[in-house]
């Protein structure tokens, strides 16, 4: 009996016992279904957050003010008043491999237009903010360095803010909005960017940093300095230079805790991708337990099949079938059973991933790797758990098999 004849016989055996075959394949179906679905969700989440981080710029260093200490309670990074505009200017002047910098102070505040009002992020910064963070102007213009020096009350708003205050079809340009108790003229609209990580990059109002400090918040410090380097390879060197410079300016001695922190966006992205890869494989591993359970089910059914077909095995041996022929036949049946369940599971997994993406607005990626992994695992399960029953069938004595009732 050739290979394809053996496959045909295997499918005929499956069809002749439909209910038993379906129940046997159930563990494989659920396992492969879970593997494909979990990997698709994990890869989708990885892609979404990766794109968000990359949209902020991977050759970006974020210098964050220190953490405020009030008695035994320590605040988060950025809560202390340890960074100033002078620090930002010193970084730009004395550190190498820098393209642009963007000093920033961010606070939540209420923004009003007529009878509409929202709470959003107010970002006080400089004209370099757009280039450093990869923002583009859709309508109007960004404010200039002249506006910063003269503390003009002008602003650029994101798409989310524009929709909430002015509606979808109305232009916000030249409209007057109120931030806290101050009136600001809208001179620009940022092109929609979407989520950057877990934050909505379009839910913000950008104003000159001097206006934010002196006319809105009444402070003389900044919260962060975004530093755009020439390329990813120079980030470590630039980070070390900034650390040395700020330590000297802030009189931080050797061994003392710095009153600032530097985040490397490239390292954050790499760490996140590695974490997501581990998490996705963990989910796939958990789902893979169902494949093992399914494999045990296949082995049990194949053992039952060997018992039921003992006389058939005896007749085949009597007419000249060798041990390898019997072994091959039962092994092929086991693999066919497993692969059929695997194909059904893959179809269910793809369908589930698409439904999740459609109804929950969650990105899912159905990769060829996850399908091949599931298919390969199903094949391996069929072979591994089919060897013992197939070998038992091949070892049956011909006379005893023929006399079996």
Foldseek 3Di string as FASTA:
>chain_A
DDDVVLLVVLVVVCVVPVVLLCVLLVLLLQLLLQLLQLLQQLVLLLVVQLLLLVLQPQQKKKKFFAWDDDPPDTGDTLPDQQAFVVLLVCLVVPFPQFDDKKFWAKDWFWKADVPFIDIFIEIAIAPCNCVNRVWDWPDFDDDHVVCLVVLAQEKEAFPVVCCRHPNDPDDQAQGWMDTPNDIYGYGTYIDADQHNRNDRPRRYMYGHNNNCCVVNPVHRGTGMMMTRGNDNVCSVVSVVVSVVVSCVVSVPDPPGDDRMDMDRSNVVSVVSSVVSVVVSVVSSVVSCVSVLVSLLSLLVVLLVVLLVCLLVLLVCVVVPDALVNLLSSQLSSLLSSLLVSLVSSNVSNVVVNVVCCVPVVGRTDRDPVSSVVSNVSSNVSSNVSRNVSSNVSSPDDNVVSNVRD
